[in-house]
Amino acid sequence: MNNASKLNEPVAITSVQELGNLVRECRVAQKMTQADILGLANTGNRFIVELENGKPTVQFQKVLDVLDTLGLEMVIQKKGSL
C-alpha cells in the first residue's frame, strides 16, 4: 500500500525523498499533472520536478504551498507518537 492511499491517517515522513514520493502519489491519485500543480501553487515546473525527485534544498514555503494545493497539511509532533 502506498502512502497516498492511507492518507486518512497520519504518515511519518523521514526523508525528502519520501515527501517527494508522497506528493507525486497524491498528485497522481487526484488525476493532476505537474502543470496543474505549478499553476495552482504558483510555482515553476522545475520546482515540482525537484520536489517529487526528493531534492533536499527545495524552498520550504513552496513545499507548503504545494501540500496545500493537494489538500494536505504538515503536522509536527513528538517522534514515535504515530
C-alpha atoms as a PDB file:
ATOM      1  CA  MET A   1       0.000   0.000   0.000  1.00  0.00           C
ATOM      2  CA  ASN A   2       1.418   3.403  -0.913  1.00  0.00           C
ATOM      3  CA  ASN A   3       1.360   6.454   1.361  1.00  0.00           C
ATOM      4  CA  ALA A   4      -1.266   8.317  -0.675  1.00  0.00           C
ATOM      5  CA  SER A   5      -3.806   5.529  -0.287  1.00  0.00           C
ATOM      6  CA  LYS A   6      -3.667   5.723   3.516  1.00  0.00           C
ATOM      7  CA  LEU A   7      -3.803   9.489   3.956  1.00  0.00           C
ATOM      8  CA  ASN A   8      -6.839   9.279   6.192  1.00  0.00           C
ATOM      9  CA  GLU A   9      -4.240   8.505   8.861  1.00  0.00           C
ATOM     10  CA  PRO A  10      -1.029  10.406   9.700  1.00  0.00           C
ATOM     11  CA  VAL A  11       2.002   9.415   7.641  1.00  0.00           C
ATOM     12  CA  ALA A  12       5.515   9.689   9.079  1.00  0.00           C
ATOM     13  CA  ILE A  13       7.915  11.284   6.612  1.00  0.00           C
ATOM     14  CA  THR A  14      11.579  10.742   7.422  1.00  0.00           C
ATOM     15  CA  SER A  15      13.272  11.977   4.247  1.00  0.00           C
ATOM     16  CA  VAL A  16      12.860  14.475   1.454  1.00  0.00           C
ATOM     17  CA  GLN A  17      12.606  11.530  -0.949  1.00  0.00           C
ATOM     18  CA  GLU A  18       9.627  10.142   0.984  1.00  0.00           C
ATOM     19  CA  LEU A  19       7.951  13.557   0.898  1.00  0.00           C
ATOM     20  CA  GLY A  20       8.545  13.819  -2.842  1.00  0.00           C
ATOM     21  CA  ASN A  21       7.088  10.365  -3.400  1.00  0.00           C
ATOM     22  CA  LEU A  22       4.046  11.246  -1.305  1.00  0.00           C
ATOM     23  CA  VAL A  23       3.488  14.458  -3.266  1.00  0.00           C
ATOM     24  CA  ARG A  24       3.713  12.546  -6.556  1.00  0.00           C
ATOM     25  CA  GLU A  25       1.357   9.789  -5.345  1.00  0.00           C
ATOM     26  CA  CYS A  26      -1.204  12.332  -4.124  1.00  0.00           C
ATOM     27  CA  ARG A  27      -0.996  14.354  -7.330  1.00  0.00           C
ATOM     28  CA  VAL A  28      -1.497  11.264  -9.490  1.00  0.00           C
ATOM     29  CA  ALA A  29      -4.295   9.964  -7.240  1.00  0.00           C
ATOM     30  CA  GLN A  30      -6.109  13.276  -7.804  1.00  0.00           C
ATOM     31  CA  LYS A  31      -5.522  12.960 -11.570  1.00  0.00           C
ATOM     32  CA  MET A  32      -3.458  16.139 -11.611  1.00  0.00           C
ATOM     33  CA  THR A  33      -0.471  16.798 -13.821  1.00  0.00           C
ATOM     34  CA  GLN A  34       2.667  18.616 -12.755  1.00  0.00           C
ATOM     35  CA  ALA A  35       1.420  21.505 -14.903  1.00  0.00           C
ATOM     36  CA  ASP A  36      -1.832  21.604 -12.902  1.00  0.00           C
ATOM     37  CA  ILE A  37       0.111  21.895  -9.648  1.00  0.00           C
ATOM     38  CA  LEU A  38       2.504  24.582 -10.805  1.00  0.00           C
ATOM     39  CA  GLY A  39      -0.371  26.786 -11.898  1.00  0.00           C
ATOM     40  CA  LEU A  40      -2.388  26.310  -8.722  1.00  0.00           C
ATOM     41  CA  ALA A  41       0.579  26.536  -6.331  1.00  0.00           C
ATOM     42  CA  ASN A  42       2.117  29.474  -8.216  1.00  0.00           C
ATOM     43  CA  THR A  43       5.459  27.748  -8.707  1.00  0.00           C
ATOM     44  CA  GLY A  44       7.561  26.578 -11.621  1.00  0.00           C
ATOM     45  CA  ASN A  45       7.821  23.200 -13.300  1.00  0.00           C
ATOM     46  CA  ARG A  46      11.434  22.786 -12.222  1.00  0.00           C
ATOM     47  CA  PHE A  47      10.404  23.133  -8.575  1.00  0.00           C
ATOM     48  CA  ILE A  48       7.715  20.441  -8.869  1.00  0.00           C
ATOM     49  CA  VAL A  49      10.130  18.066 -10.578  1.00  0.00           C
ATOM     50  CA  GLU A  50      12.798  18.690  -7.935  1.00  0.00           C
ATOM     51  CA  LEU A  51      10.309  18.244  -5.080  1.00  0.00           C
ATOM     52  CA  GLU A  52       8.961  14.975  -6.460  1.00  0.00           C
ATOM     53  CA  ASN A  53      12.526  13.754  -7.010  1.00  0.00           C
ATOM     54  CA  GLY A  54      13.449  14.473  -3.386  1.00  0.00           C
ATOM     55  CA  LYS A  55      15.869  17.363  -3.833  1.00  0.00           C
ATOM     56  CA  PRO A  56      16.881  18.281  -0.266  1.00  0.00           C
ATOM     57  CA  THR A  57      17.256  22.028  -0.872  1.00  0.00           C
ATOM     58  CA  VAL A  58      13.774  22.942  -2.161  1.00  0.00           C
ATOM     59  CA  GLN A  59      12.186  26.068  -0.671  1.00  0.00           C
ATOM     60  CA  PHE A  60      10.096  25.158   2.342  1.00  0.00           C
ATOM     61  CA  GLN A  61       7.312  27.719   1.765  1.00  0.00           C
ATOM     62  CA  LYS A  62       6.841  26.407  -1.750  1.00  0.00           C
ATOM     63  CA  VAL A  63       6.596  22.854  -0.346  1.00  0.00           C
ATOM     64  CA  LEU A  64       3.851  24.059   1.994  1.00  0.00           C
ATOM     65  CA  ASP A  65       2.085  25.747  -0.941  1.00  0.00           C
ATOM     66  CA  VAL A  66       2.149  22.507  -2.961  1.00  0.00           C
ATOM     67  CA  LEU A  67       0.872  20.494   0.021  1.00  0.00           C
ATOM     68  CA  ASP A  68      -1.966  22.995   0.454  1.00  0.00           C
ATOM     69  CA  THR A  69      -2.819  22.744  -3.249  1.00  0.00           C
ATOM     70  CA  LEU A  70      -3.089  18.966  -2.855  1.00  0.00           C
ATOM     71  CA  GLY A  71      -5.331  19.338   0.198  1.00  0.00           C
ATOM     72  CA  LEU A  72      -2.585  18.235   2.586  1.00  0.00           C
ATOM     73  CA  GLU A  73      -1.104  19.816   5.685  1.00  0.00           C
ATOM     74  CA  MET A  74       2.042  19.301   7.698  1.00  0.00           C
ATOM     75  CA  VAL A  75       1.681  18.489  11.397  1.00  0.00           C
ATOM     76  CA  ILE A  76       4.695  18.342  13.689  1.00  0.00           C
ATOM     77  CA  GLN A  77       4.544  16.058  16.706  1.00  0.00           C
ATOM     78  CA  LYS A  78       6.873  14.252  19.077  1.00  0.00           C
ATOM     79  CA  LYS A  79       8.762  11.462  17.350  1.00  0.00           C
ATOM     80  CA  GLY A  80       7.396   7.961  17.907  1.00  0.00           C
ATOM     81  CA  SER A  81       3.850   9.079  18.682  1.00  0.00           C
ATOM     82  CA  LEU A  82       2.381   7.703  15.435  1.00  0.00           C
END
